[in-house]
Amino acid sequence: IVNSADALPLRSGCFDSVWTIGLIHHLPDHLALQTIREMHRVCR
């Protein structure tokens, strides 16, 4: 899916595990925080 990591177009709790490998160091703090929060949101 094409999307911005800080606004995942997915319903909450729909994945068993959510990963990111080598992305966070490309994001400023505010986007990194929102991305990690979004990952947590879509994880069951």
PDB file of all heavy atoms in Angstrom:
ATOM      1  N   ILE A   1       0.847  -1.192   0.000  1.00  0.00           N
ATOM      2  CA  ILE A   1       0.000   0.000   0.000  1.00  0.00           C
ATOM      3  C   ILE A   1       0.884   1.243   0.000  1.00  0.00           C
ATOM      4  O   ILE A   1       1.946   1.266   0.614  1.00  0.00           O
ATOM      5  CB  ILE A   1      -0.969   0.030   1.202  1.00  0.00           C
ATOM      6  CG1 ILE A   1      -0.214  -0.122   2.525  1.00  0.00           C
ATOM      7  CG2 ILE A   1      -2.034  -1.031   1.071  1.00  0.00           C
ATOM      8  CD1 ILE A   1      -1.078   0.030   3.748  1.00  0.00           C
ATOM      9  N   VAL A   2       0.430   2.248  -0.728  1.00  0.00           N
ATOM     10  CA  VAL A   2       1.132   3.527  -0.784  1.00  0.00           C
ATOM     11  C   VAL A   2       0.513   4.432   0.276  1.00  0.00           C
ATOM     12  O   VAL A   2      -0.707   4.647   0.268  1.00  0.00           O
ATOM     13  CB  VAL A   2       0.996   4.181  -2.179  1.00  0.00           C
ATOM     14  CG1 VAL A   2       1.675   5.543  -2.195  1.00  0.00           C
ATOM     15  CG2 VAL A   2       1.571   3.268  -3.253  1.00  0.00           C
ATOM     16  N   ASN A   3       1.328   4.891   1.191  1.00  0.00           N
ATOM     17  CA  ASN A   3       0.835   5.763   2.246  1.00  0.00           C
ATOM     18  C   ASN A   3       2.005   6.430   2.966  1.00  0.00           C
ATOM     19  O   ASN A   3       3.148   6.013   2.825  1.00  0.00           O
ATOM     20  CB  ASN A   3      -0.010   4.977   3.252  1.00  0.00           C
ATOM     21  CG  ASN A   3       0.812   3.940   3.980  1.00  0.00           C
ATOM     22  OD1 ASN A   3       1.008   2.850   3.454  1.00  0.00           O
ATOM     23  ND2 ASN A   3       1.297   4.250   5.158  1.00  0.00           N
ATOM     24  N   SER A   4       1.674   7.433   3.730  1.00  0.00           N
ATOM     25  CA  SER A   4       2.649   8.060   4.610  1.00  0.00           C
ATOM     26  C   SER A   4       2.644   7.293   5.928  1.00  0.00           C
ATOM     27  O   SER A   4       1.566   6.971   6.454  1.00  0.00           O
ATOM     28  CB  SER A   4       2.267   9.525   4.845  1.00  0.00           C
ATOM     29  OG  SER A   4       3.183  10.135   5.708  1.00  0.00           O
ATOM     30  N   ALA A   5       3.798   7.008   6.466  1.00  0.00           N
ATOM     31  CA  ALA A   5       3.903   6.186   7.671  1.00  0.00           C
ATOM     32  C   ALA A   5       3.254   6.828   8.891  1.00  0.00           C
ATOM     33  O   ALA A   5       2.850   6.127   9.817  1.00  0.00           O
ATOM     34  CB  ALA A   5       5.368   5.882   7.960  1.00  0.00           C
ATOM     35  N   ASP A   6       3.138   8.137   8.889  1.00  0.00           N
ATOM     36  CA  ASP A   6       2.568   8.816  10.055  1.00  0.00           C
ATOM     37  C   ASP A   6       1.042   8.905  10.010  1.00  0.00           C
ATOM     38  O   ASP A   6       0.424   9.437  10.928  1.00  0.00           O
ATOM     39  CB  ASP A   6       3.179  10.209  10.218  1.00  0.00           C
ATOM     40  CG  ASP A   6       2.862  11.128   9.063  1.00  0.00           C
ATOM     41  OD1 ASP A   6       2.851  10.661   7.903  1.00  0.00           O
ATOM     42  OD2 ASP A   6       2.629  12.330   9.307  1.00  0.00           O
ATOM     43  N   ALA A   7       0.425   8.365   8.969  1.00  0.00           N
ATOM     44  CA  ALA A   7      -1.039   8.351   8.850  1.00  0.00           C
ATOM     45  C   ALA A   7      -1.445   7.086   8.104  1.00  0.00           C
ATOM     46  O   ALA A   7      -1.840   7.129   6.944  1.00  0.00           O
ATOM     47  CB  ALA A   7      -1.532   9.601   8.129  1.00  0.00           C
ATOM     48  N   LEU A   8      -1.336   5.941   8.762  1.00  0.00           N
ATOM     49  CA  LEU A   8      -1.636   4.661   8.119  1.00  0.00           C
ATOM     50  C   LEU A   8      -3.138   4.553   7.854  1.00  0.00           C
ATOM     51  O   LEU A   8      -3.938   4.681   8.779  1.00  0.00           O
ATOM     52  CB  LEU A   8      -1.158   3.503   8.997  1.00  0.00           C
ATOM     53  CG  LEU A   8       0.350   3.451   9.245  1.00  0.00           C
ATOM     54  CD1 LEU A   8       0.690   2.377  10.280  1.00  0.00           C
ATOM     55  CD2 LEU A   8       1.108   3.220   7.950  1.00  0.00           C
ATOM     56  N   PRO A   9      -3.538   4.303   6.596  1.00  0.00           N
ATOM     57  CA  PRO A   9      -4.956   4.237   6.244  1.00  0.00           C
ATOM     58  C   PRO A   9      -5.545   2.868   6.548  1.00  0.00           C
ATOM     59  O   PRO A   9      -6.111   2.195   5.690  1.00  0.00           O
ATOM     60  CB  PRO A   9      -4.934   4.512   4.735  1.00  0.00           C
ATOM     61  CG  PRO A   9      -3.648   3.896   4.292  1.00  0.00           C
ATOM     62  CD  PRO A   9      -2.677   4.148   5.418  1.00  0.00           C
ATOM     63  N   LEU A  10      -5.392   2.448   7.792  1.00  0.00           N
ATOM     64  CA  LEU A  10      -5.781   1.104   8.204  1.00  0.00           C
ATOM     65  C   LEU A  10      -6.568   1.191   9.505  1.00  0.00           C
ATOM     66  O   LEU A  10      -6.352   2.098  10.316  1.00  0.00           O
ATOM     67  CB  LEU A  10      -4.516   0.253   8.429  1.00  0.00           C
ATOM     68  CG  LEU A  10      -3.578   0.140   7.230  1.00  0.00           C
ATOM     69  CD1 LEU A  10      -2.204  -0.320   7.661  1.00  0.00           C
ATOM     70  CD2 LEU A  10      -4.174  -0.800   6.195  1.00  0.00           C
ATOM     71  N   ARG A  11      -7.437   0.212   9.718  1.00  0.00           N
ATOM     72  CA  ARG A  11      -8.210   0.227  10.956  1.00  0.00           C
ATOM     73  C   ARG A  11      -7.327  -0.205  12.128  1.00  0.00           C
ATOM     74  O   ARG A  11      -6.344  -0.930  11.958  1.00  0.00           O
ATOM     75  CB  ARG A  11      -9.466  -0.610  10.837  1.00  0.00           C
ATOM     76  CG  ARG A  11      -9.268  -2.075  10.683  1.00  0.00           C
ATOM     77  CD  ARG A  11     -10.636  -2.793  10.602  1.00  0.00           C
ATOM     78  NE  ARG A  11     -10.513  -4.121  10.077  1.00  0.00           N
ATOM     79  CZ  ARG A  11      -9.949  -5.157  10.713  1.00  0.00           C
ATOM     80  NH1 ARG A  11      -9.466  -5.008  11.908  1.00  0.00           N
ATOM     81  NH2 ARG A  11      -9.881  -6.341  10.138  1.00  0.00           N
ATOM     82  N   SER A  12      -7.687   0.237  13.291  1.00  0.00           N
ATOM     83  CA  SER A  12      -6.937  -0.088  14.507  1.00  0.00           C
ATOM     84  C   SER A  12      -6.959  -1.587  14.771  1.00  0.00           C
ATOM     85  O   SER A  12      -7.975  -2.248  14.562  1.00  0.00           O
ATOM     86  CB  SER A  12      -7.530   0.650  15.708  1.00  0.00           C
ATOM     87  OG  SER A  12      -7.426   2.038  15.519  1.00  0.00           O
ATOM     88  N   GLY A  13      -5.828  -2.113  15.219  1.00  0.00           N
ATOM     89  CA  GLY A  13      -5.743  -3.496  15.647  1.00  0.00           C
ATOM     90  C   GLY A  13      -5.825  -4.546  14.562  1.00  0.00           C
ATOM     91  O   GLY A  13      -6.175  -5.689  14.839  1.00  0.00           O
ATOM     92  N   CYS A  14      -5.497  -4.220  13.327  1.00  0.00           N
ATOM     93  CA  CYS A  14      -5.705  -5.180  12.233  1.00  0.00           C
ATOM     94  C   CYS A  14      -4.482  -6.043  11.897  1.00  0.00           C
ATOM     95  O   CYS A  14      -4.575  -6.916  11.047  1.00  0.00           O
ATOM     96  CB  CYS A  14      -6.227  -4.468  10.992  1.00  0.00           C
ATOM     97  SG  CYS A  14      -5.148  -3.213  10.321  1.00  0.00           S
ATOM     98  N   PHE A  15      -3.334  -5.838  12.568  1.00  0.00           N
ATOM     99  CA  PHE A  15      -2.145  -6.644  12.279  1.00  0.00           C
ATOM    100  C   PHE A  15      -1.635  -7.345  13.533  1.00  0.00           C
ATOM    101  O   PHE A  15      -1.707  -6.808  14.631  1.00  0.00           O
ATOM    102  CB  PHE A  15      -1.026  -5.775  11.689  1.00  0.00           C
ATOM    103  CG  PHE A  15      -1.287  -5.384  10.270  1.00  0.00           C
ATOM    104  CD1 PHE A  15      -1.920  -4.192   9.975  1.00  0.00           C
ATOM    105  CD2 PHE A  15      -0.937  -6.227   9.226  1.00  0.00           C
ATOM    106  CE1 PHE A  15      -2.199  -3.834   8.664  1.00  0.00           C
ATOM    107  CE2 PHE A  15      -1.211  -5.885   7.914  1.00  0.00           C
ATOM    108  CZ  PHE A  15      -1.841  -4.687   7.635  1.00  0.00           C
ATOM    109  N   ASP A  16      -1.099  -8.553  13.347  1.00  0.00           N
ATOM    110  CA  ASP A  16      -0.512  -9.306  14.448  1.00  0.00           C
ATOM    111  C   ASP A  16       0.832  -8.731  14.867  1.00  0.00           C
ATOM    112  O   ASP A  16       1.198  -8.778  16.033  1.00  0.00           O
ATOM    113  CB  ASP A  16      -0.332 -10.781  14.052  1.00  0.00           C
ATOM    114  CG  ASP A  16      -1.666 -11.445  13.761  1.00  0.00           C
ATOM    115  OD1 ASP A  16      -2.583 -11.312  14.595  1.00  0.00           O
ATOM    116  OD2 ASP A  16      -1.792 -12.075  12.695  1.00  0.00           O
ATOM    117  N   SER A  17       1.582  -8.232  13.901  1.00  0.00           N
ATOM    118  CA  SER A  17       2.825  -7.527  14.218  1.00  0.00           C
ATOM    119  C   SER A  17       3.056  -6.446  13.168  1.00  0.00           C
ATOM    120  O   SER A  17       2.658  -6.587  12.010  1.00  0.00           O
ATOM    121  CB  SER A  17       4.029  -8.470  14.328  1.00  0.00           C
ATOM    122  OG  SER A  17       4.380  -9.022  13.099  1.00  0.00           O
ATOM    123  N   VAL A  18       3.680  -5.359  13.621  1.00  0.00           N
ATOM    124  CA  VAL A  18       3.953  -4.214  12.768  1.00  0.00           C
ATOM    125  C   VAL A  18       5.433  -3.886  12.918  1.00  0.00           C
ATOM    126  O   VAL A  18       5.929  -3.724  14.034  1.00  0.00           O
ATOM    127  CB  VAL A  18       3.079  -2.996  13.154  1.00  0.00           C
ATOM    128  CG1 VAL A  18       3.332  -1.842  12.203  1.00  0.00           C
ATOM    129  CG2 VAL A  18       1.599  -3.375  13.163  1.00  0.00           C
ATOM    130  N   TRP A  19       6.127  -3.810  11.793  1.00  0.00           N
ATOM    131  CA  TRP A  19       7.577  -3.639  11.764  1.00  0.00           C
ATOM    132  C   TRP A  19       7.976  -2.367  11.028  1.00  0.00           C
ATOM    133  O   TRP A  19       7.276  -1.929  10.116  1.00  0.00           O
ATOM    134  CB  TRP A  19       8.216  -4.798  10.998  1.00  0.00           C
ATOM    135  CG  TRP A  19       8.069  -6.145  11.623  1.00  0.00           C
ATOM    136  CD1 TRP A  19       6.917  -6.879  11.756  1.00  0.00           C
ATOM    137  CD2 TRP A  19       9.103  -6.929  12.184  1.00  0.00           C
ATOM    138  NE1 TRP A  19       7.195  -8.074  12.356  1.00  0.00           N
ATOM    139  CE2 TRP A  19       8.532  -8.137  12.632  1.00  0.00           C
ATOM    140  CE3 TRP A  19      10.473  -6.737  12.347  1.00  0.00           C
ATOM    141  CZ2 TRP A  19       9.272  -9.134  13.241  1.00  0.00           C
ATOM    142  CZ3 TRP A  19      11.219  -7.738  12.946  1.00  0.00           C
ATOM    143  CH2 TRP A  19      10.615  -8.921  13.389  1.00  0.00           C
ATOM    144  N   THR A  20       9.130  -1.858  11.379  1.00  0.00           N
ATOM    145  CA  THR A  20       9.819  -0.888  10.548  1.00  0.00           C
ATOM    146  C   THR A  20      11.309  -1.152  10.668  1.00  0.00           C
ATOM    147  O   THR A  20      11.816  -1.374  11.765  1.00  0.00           O
ATOM    148  CB  THR A  20       9.464   0.576  10.878  1.00  0.00           C
ATOM    149  OG1 THR A  20      10.047   1.412   9.882  1.00  0.00           O
ATOM    150  CG2 THR A  20       9.924   1.004  12.245  1.00  0.00           C
ATOM    151  N   ILE A  21      11.976  -1.184   9.538  1.00  0.00           N
ATOM    152  CA  ILE A  21      13.414  -1.465   9.494  1.00  0.00           C
ATOM    153  C   ILE A  21      14.094  -0.324   8.741  1.00  0.00           C
ATOM    154  O   ILE A  21      13.905  -0.169   7.541  1.00  0.00           O
ATOM    155  CB  ILE A  21      13.692  -2.821   8.812  1.00  0.00           C
ATOM    156  CG1 ILE A  21      12.968  -3.941   9.560  1.00  0.00           C
ATOM    157  CG2 ILE A  21      15.192  -3.083   8.721  1.00  0.00           C
ATOM    158  CD1 ILE A  21      12.996  -5.296   8.879  1.00  0.00           C
ATOM    159  N   GLY A  22      14.838   0.477   9.470  1.00  0.00           N
ATOM    160  CA  GLY A  22      15.621   1.539   8.837  1.00  0.00           C
ATOM    161  C   GLY A  22      14.819   2.722   8.331  1.00  0.00           C
ATOM    162  O   GLY A  22      15.269   3.412   7.421  1.00  0.00           O
ATOM    163  N   LEU A  23      13.672   2.995   8.912  1.00  0.00           N
ATOM    164  CA  LEU A  23      12.866   4.139   8.479  1.00  0.00           C
ATOM    165  C   LEU A  23      13.015   5.346   9.405  1.00  0.00           C
ATOM    166  O   LEU A  23      13.112   6.482   8.937  1.00  0.00           O
ATOM    167  CB  LEU A  23      11.379   3.754   8.410  1.00  0.00           C
ATOM    168  CG  LEU A  23      10.402   4.910   8.157  1.00  0.00           C
ATOM    169  CD1 LEU A  23      10.628   5.509   6.773  1.00  0.00           C
ATOM    170  CD2 LEU A  23       8.972   4.461   8.352  1.00  0.00           C
ATOM    171  N   ILE A  24      13.044   5.118  10.683  1.00  0.00           N
ATOM    172  CA  ILE A  24      12.929   6.194  11.663  1.00  0.00           C
ATOM    173  C   ILE A  24      14.030   7.243  11.513  1.00  0.00           C
ATOM    174  O   ILE A  24      13.788   8.429  11.715  1.00  0.00           O
ATOM    175  CB  ILE A  24      12.878   5.616  13.096  1.00  0.00           C
ATOM    176  CG1 ILE A  24      11.685   4.669  13.251  1.00  0.00           C
ATOM    177  CG2 ILE A  24      12.839   6.722  14.142  1.00  0.00           C
ATOM    178  CD1 ILE A  24      10.325   5.274  12.978  1.00  0.00           C
ATOM    179  N   HIS A  25      15.232   6.852  11.111  1.00  0.00           N
ATOM    180  CA  HIS A  25      16.304   7.847  10.974  1.00  0.00           C
ATOM    181  C   HIS A  25      16.139   8.737   9.743  1.00  0.00           C
ATOM    182  O   HIS A  25      16.926   9.638   9.515  1.00  0.00           O
ATOM    183  CB  HIS A  25      17.693   7.183  11.015  1.00  0.00           C
ATOM    184  CG  HIS A  25      18.048   6.383   9.812  1.00  0.00           C
ATOM    185  ND1 HIS A  25      17.612   5.094   9.611  1.00  0.00           N
ATOM    186  CD2 HIS A  25      18.828   6.694   8.754  1.00  0.00           C
ATOM    187  CE1 HIS A  25      18.100   4.652   8.474  1.00  0.00           C
ATOM    188  NE2 HIS A  25      18.840   5.596   7.923  1.00  0.00           N
ATOM    189  N   HIS A  26      15.083   8.511   8.982  1.00  0.00           N
ATOM    190  CA  HIS A  26      14.750   9.389   7.854  1.00  0.00           C
ATOM    191  C   HIS A  26      13.683  10.424   8.238  1.00  0.00           C
ATOM    192  O   HIS A  26      13.308  11.253   7.410  1.00  0.00           O
ATOM    193  CB  HIS A  26      14.240   8.569   6.659  1.00  0.00           C
ATOM    194  CG  HIS A  26      15.296   7.727   6.034  1.00  0.00           C
ATOM    195  ND1 HIS A  26      16.167   8.210   5.096  1.00  0.00           N
ATOM    196  CD2 HIS A  26      15.637   6.426   6.239  1.00  0.00           C
ATOM    197  CE1 HIS A  26      17.003   7.244   4.729  1.00  0.00           C
ATOM    198  NE2 HIS A  26      16.695   6.154   5.406  1.00  0.00           N
ATOM    199  N   LEU A  27      13.193  10.357   9.468  1.00  0.00           N
ATOM    200  CA  LEU A  27      12.077  11.194   9.895  1.00  0.00           C
ATOM    201  C   LEU A  27      12.473  12.137  11.028  1.00  0.00           C
ATOM    202  O   LEU A  27      13.136  11.704  11.980  1.00  0.00           O
ATOM    203  CB  LEU A  27      10.915  10.309  10.381  1.00  0.00           C
ATOM    204  CG  LEU A  27      10.408   9.242   9.414  1.00  0.00           C
ATOM    205  CD1 LEU A  27       9.367   8.367  10.097  1.00  0.00           C
ATOM    206  CD2 LEU A  27       9.848   9.884   8.159  1.00  0.00           C
ATOM    207  N   PRO A  28      12.017  13.387  10.970  1.00  0.00           N
ATOM    208  CA  PRO A  28      12.233  14.280  12.119  1.00  0.00           C
ATOM    209  C   PRO A  28      11.417  13.764  13.312  1.00  0.00           C
ATOM    210  O   PRO A  28      10.502  12.951  13.145  1.00  0.00           O
ATOM    211  CB  PRO A  28      11.729  15.632  11.623  1.00  0.00           C
ATOM    212  CG  PRO A  28      10.778  15.318  10.528  1.00  0.00           C
ATOM    213  CD  PRO A  28      11.269  14.038   9.903  1.00  0.00           C
ATOM    214  N   ASP A  29      11.727  14.255  14.494  1.00  0.00           N
ATOM    215  CA  ASP A  29      11.115  13.729  15.717  1.00  0.00           C
ATOM    216  C   ASP A  29       9.592  13.676  15.668  1.00  0.00           C
ATOM    217  O   ASP A  29       9.003  12.660  16.027  1.00  0.00           O
ATOM    218  CB  ASP A  29      11.549  14.548  16.937  1.00  0.00           C
ATOM    219  CG  ASP A  29      12.991  14.282  17.343  1.00  0.00           C
ATOM    220  OD1 ASP A  29      13.643  13.394  16.747  1.00  0.00           O
ATOM    221  OD2 ASP A  29      13.465  14.970  18.269  1.00  0.00           O
ATOM    222  N   HIS A  30       8.937  14.745  15.249  1.00  0.00           N
ATOM    223  CA  HIS A  30       7.465  14.754  15.286  1.00  0.00           C
ATOM    224  C   HIS A  30       6.864  13.694  14.362  1.00  0.00           C
ATOM    225  O   HIS A  30       5.872  13.051  14.710  1.00  0.00           O
ATOM    226  CB  HIS A  30       6.900  16.153  14.987  1.00  0.00           C
ATOM    227  CG  HIS A  30       7.033  16.599  13.569  1.00  0.00           C
ATOM    228  ND1 HIS A  30       8.230  17.029  13.026  1.00  0.00           N
ATOM    229  CD2 HIS A  30       6.111  16.661  12.570  1.00  0.00           C
ATOM    230  CE1 HIS A  30       8.043  17.353  11.753  1.00  0.00           C
ATOM    231  NE2 HIS A  30       6.771  17.143  11.454  1.00  0.00           N
ATOM    232  N   LEU A  31       7.474  13.462  13.200  1.00  0.00           N
ATOM    233  CA  LEU A  31       6.975  12.408  12.296  1.00  0.00           C
ATOM    234  C   LEU A  31       7.351  11.015  12.802  1.00  0.00           C
ATOM    235  O   LEU A  31       6.576  10.064  12.648  1.00  0.00           O
ATOM    236  CB  LEU A  31       7.499  12.611  10.880  1.00  0.00           C
ATOM    237  CG  LEU A  31       6.931  13.820  10.129  1.00  0.00           C
ATOM    238  CD1 LEU A  31       7.568  13.931   8.745  1.00  0.00           C
ATOM    239  CD2 LEU A  31       5.423  13.730  10.020  1.00  0.00           C
ATOM    240  N   ALA A  32       8.528  10.888  13.398  1.00  0.00           N
ATOM    241  CA  ALA A  32       8.938   9.602  13.969  1.00  0.00           C
ATOM    242  C   ALA A  32       7.985   9.201  15.093  1.00  0.00           C
ATOM    243  O   ALA A  32       7.535   8.050  15.156  1.00  0.00           O
ATOM    244  CB  ALA A  32      10.372   9.681  14.471  1.00  0.00           C
ATOM    245  N   LEU A  33       7.662  10.146  15.974  1.00  0.00           N
ATOM    246  CA  LEU A  33       6.720   9.864  17.061  1.00  0.00           C
ATOM    247  C   LEU A  33       5.359   9.424  16.520  1.00  0.00           C
ATOM    248  O   LEU A  33       4.795   8.422  16.968  1.00  0.00           O
ATOM    249  CB  LEU A  33       6.528  11.109  17.937  1.00  0.00           C
ATOM    250  CG  LEU A  33       7.607  11.398  18.956  1.00  0.00           C
ATOM    251  CD1 LEU A  33       7.435  12.797  19.531  1.00  0.00           C
ATOM    252  CD2 LEU A  33       7.599  10.354  20.053  1.00  0.00           C
ATOM    253  N   GLN A  34       4.845  10.162  15.547  1.00  0.00           N
ATOM    254  CA  GLN A  34       3.539   9.837  14.993  1.00  0.00           C
ATOM    255  C   GLN A  34       3.572   8.490  14.268  1.00  0.00           C
ATOM    256  O   GLN A  34       2.623   7.708  14.346  1.00  0.00           O
ATOM    257  CB  GLN A  34       3.038  10.949  14.063  1.00  0.00           C
ATOM    258  CG  GLN A  34       1.632  10.748  13.566  1.00  0.00           C
ATOM    259  CD  GLN A  34       0.593  10.606  14.680  1.00  0.00           C
ATOM    260  OE1 GLN A  34       0.730  11.160  15.762  1.00  0.00           O
ATOM    261  NE2 GLN A  34      -0.435   9.822  14.407  1.00  0.00           N
ATOM    262  N   THR A  35       4.663   8.183  13.579  1.00  0.00           N
ATOM    263  CA  THR A  35       4.795   6.897  12.889  1.00  0.00           C
ATOM    264  C   THR A  35       4.768   5.743  13.881  1.00  0.00           C
ATOM    265  O   THR A  35       4.048   4.751  13.683  1.00  0.00           O
ATOM    266  CB  THR A  35       6.095   6.870  12.057  1.00  0.00           C
ATOM    267  OG1 THR A  35       5.979   7.844  11.019  1.00  0.00           O
ATOM    268  CG2 THR A  35       6.367   5.500  11.465  1.00  0.00           C
ATOM    269  N   ILE A  36       5.520   5.856  14.956  1.00  0.00           N
ATOM    270  CA  ILE A  36       5.558   4.788  15.960  1.00  0.00           C
ATOM    271  C   ILE A  36       4.188   4.642  16.620  1.00  0.00           C
ATOM    272  O   ILE A  36       3.717   3.523  16.864  1.00  0.00           O
ATOM    273  CB  ILE A  36       6.676   5.053  16.984  1.00  0.00           C
ATOM    274  CG1 ILE A  36       8.042   5.031  16.289  1.00  0.00           C
ATOM    275  CG2 ILE A  36       6.639   4.013  18.103  1.00  0.00           C
ATOM    276  CD1 ILE A  36       9.186   5.618  17.108  1.00  0.00           C
ATOM    277  N   ARG A  37       3.521   5.748  16.881  1.00  0.00           N
ATOM    278  CA  ARG A  37       2.164   5.690  17.459  1.00  0.00           C
ATOM    279  C   ARG A  37       1.183   5.015  16.495  1.00  0.00           C
ATOM    280  O   ARG A  37       0.316   4.242  16.909  1.00  0.00           O
ATOM    281  CB  ARG A  37       1.691   7.093  17.810  1.00  0.00           C
ATOM    282  CG  ARG A  37       2.399   7.662  19.023  1.00  0.00           C
ATOM    283  CD  ARG A  37       1.964   9.075  19.331  1.00  0.00           C
ATOM    284  NE  ARG A  37       2.670   9.556  20.505  1.00  0.00           N
ATOM    285  CZ  ARG A  37       3.161  10.785  20.621  1.00  0.00           C
ATOM    286  NH1 ARG A  37       3.010  11.676  19.640  1.00  0.00           N
ATOM    287  NH2 ARG A  37       3.796  11.131  21.724  1.00  0.00           N
ATOM    288  N   GLU A  38       1.317   5.313  15.200  1.00  0.00           N
ATOM    289  CA  GLU A  38       0.459   4.679  14.203  1.00  0.00           C
ATOM    290  C   GLU A  38       0.730   3.172  14.130  1.00  0.00           C
ATOM    291  O   GLU A  38      -0.202   2.372  14.000  1.00  0.00           O
ATOM    292  CB  GLU A  38       0.670   5.317  12.828  1.00  0.00           C
ATOM    293  CG  GLU A  38      -0.086   6.605  12.630  1.00  0.00           C
ATOM    294  CD  GLU A  38      -1.585   6.367  12.552  1.00  0.00           C
ATOM    295  OE1 GLU A  38      -2.097   5.989  11.481  1.00  0.00           O
ATOM    296  OE2 GLU A  38      -2.254   6.555  13.588  1.00  0.00           O
ATOM    297  N   MET A  39       1.990   2.789  14.214  1.00  0.00           N
ATOM    298  CA  MET A  39       2.328   1.368  14.210  1.00  0.00           C
ATOM    299  C   MET A  39       1.649   0.674  15.390  1.00  0.00           C
ATOM    300  O   MET A  39       1.094  -0.416  15.246  1.00  0.00           O
ATOM    301  CB  MET A  39       3.845   1.185  14.260  1.00  0.00           C
ATOM    302  CG  MET A  39       4.552   1.621  12.998  1.00  0.00           C
ATOM    303  SD  MET A  39       6.351   1.623  13.177  1.00  0.00           S
ATOM    304  CE  MET A  39       6.681  -0.093  13.571  1.00  0.00           C
ATOM    305  N   HIS A  40       1.706   1.299  16.546  1.00  0.00           N
ATOM    306  CA  HIS A  40       1.075   0.746  17.746  1.00  0.00           C
ATOM    307  C   HIS A  40      -0.441   0.660  17.556  1.00  0.00           C
ATOM    308  O   HIS A  40      -1.074  -0.336  17.921  1.00  0.00           O
ATOM    309  CB  HIS A  40       1.431   1.615  18.951  1.00  0.00           C
ATOM    310  CG  HIS A  40       0.951   1.054  20.246  1.00  0.00           C
ATOM    311  ND1 HIS A  40      -0.243   1.435  20.809  1.00  0.00           N
ATOM    312  CD2 HIS A  40       1.503   0.137  21.080  1.00  0.00           C
ATOM    313  CE1 HIS A  40      -0.408   0.777  21.944  1.00  0.00           C
ATOM    314  NE2 HIS A  40       0.631  -0.012  22.129  1.00  0.00           N
ATOM    315  N   ARG A  41      -1.032   1.679  16.975  1.00  0.00           N
ATOM    316  CA  ARG A  41      -2.485   1.715  16.773  1.00  0.00           C
ATOM    317  C   ARG A  41      -2.970   0.564  15.899  1.00  0.00           C
ATOM    318  O   ARG A  41      -3.990  -0.061  16.190  1.00  0.00           O
ATOM    319  CB  ARG A  41      -2.893   3.048  16.138  1.00  0.00           C
ATOM    320  CG  ARG A  41      -4.406   3.172  15.918  1.00  0.00           C
ATOM    321  CD  ARG A  41      -4.763   4.446  15.178  1.00  0.00           C
ATOM    322  NE  ARG A  41      -4.261   4.494  13.812  1.00  0.00           N
ATOM    323  CZ  ARG A  41      -4.807   3.856  12.774  1.00  0.00           C
ATOM    324  NH1 ARG A  41      -5.871   3.087  12.920  1.00  0.00           N
ATOM    325  NH2 ARG A  41      -4.283   3.983  11.555  1.00  0.00           N
ATOM    326  N   VAL A  42      -2.273   0.269  14.805  1.00  0.00           N
ATOM    327  CA  VAL A  42      -2.754  -0.767  13.886  1.00  0.00           C
ATOM    328  C   VAL A  42      -2.362  -2.179  14.320  1.00  0.00           C
ATOM    329  O   VAL A  42      -2.781  -3.155  13.712  1.00  0.00           O
ATOM    330  CB  VAL A  42      -2.322  -0.509  12.413  1.00  0.00           C
ATOM    331  CG1 VAL A  42      -2.849   0.837  11.934  1.00  0.00           C
ATOM    332  CG2 VAL A  42      -0.829  -0.616  12.231  1.00  0.00           C
ATOM    333  N   CYS A  43      -1.577  -2.293  15.379  1.00  0.00           N
ATOM    334  CA  CYS A  43      -1.218  -3.605  15.923  1.00  0.00           C
ATOM    335  C   CYS A  43      -2.344  -4.075  16.850  1.00  0.00           C
ATOM    336  O   CYS A  43      -2.886  -3.298  17.637  1.00  0.00           O
ATOM    337  CB  CYS A  43       0.096  -3.487  16.704  1.00  0.00           C
ATOM    338  SG  CYS A  43       0.734  -5.065  17.268  1.00  0.00           S
ATOM    339  N   ARG A  44      -2.682  -5.340  16.762  1.00  0.00           N
ATOM    340  CA  ARG A  44      -3.761  -5.877  17.587  1.00  0.00           C
ATOM    341  C   ARG A  44      -3.316  -5.982  19.050  1.00  0.00           C
ATOM    342  O   ARG A  44      -2.121  -6.123  19.329  1.00  0.00           O
ATOM    343  CB  ARG A  44      -4.197  -7.251  17.083  1.00  0.00           C
ATOM    344  CG  ARG A  44      -3.173  -8.342  17.343  1.00  0.00           C
ATOM    345  CD  ARG A  44      -3.746  -9.723  17.136  1.00  0.00           C
ATOM    346  NE  ARG A  44      -2.705 -10.727  17.176  1.00  0.00           N
ATOM    347  CZ  ARG A  44      -2.125 -11.192  18.283  1.00  0.00           C
ATOM    348  NH1 ARG A  44      -2.499 -10.743  19.463  1.00  0.00           N
ATOM    349  NH2 ARG A  44      -1.177 -12.113  18.227  1.00  0.00           N
TER     350      ARG A  44
END
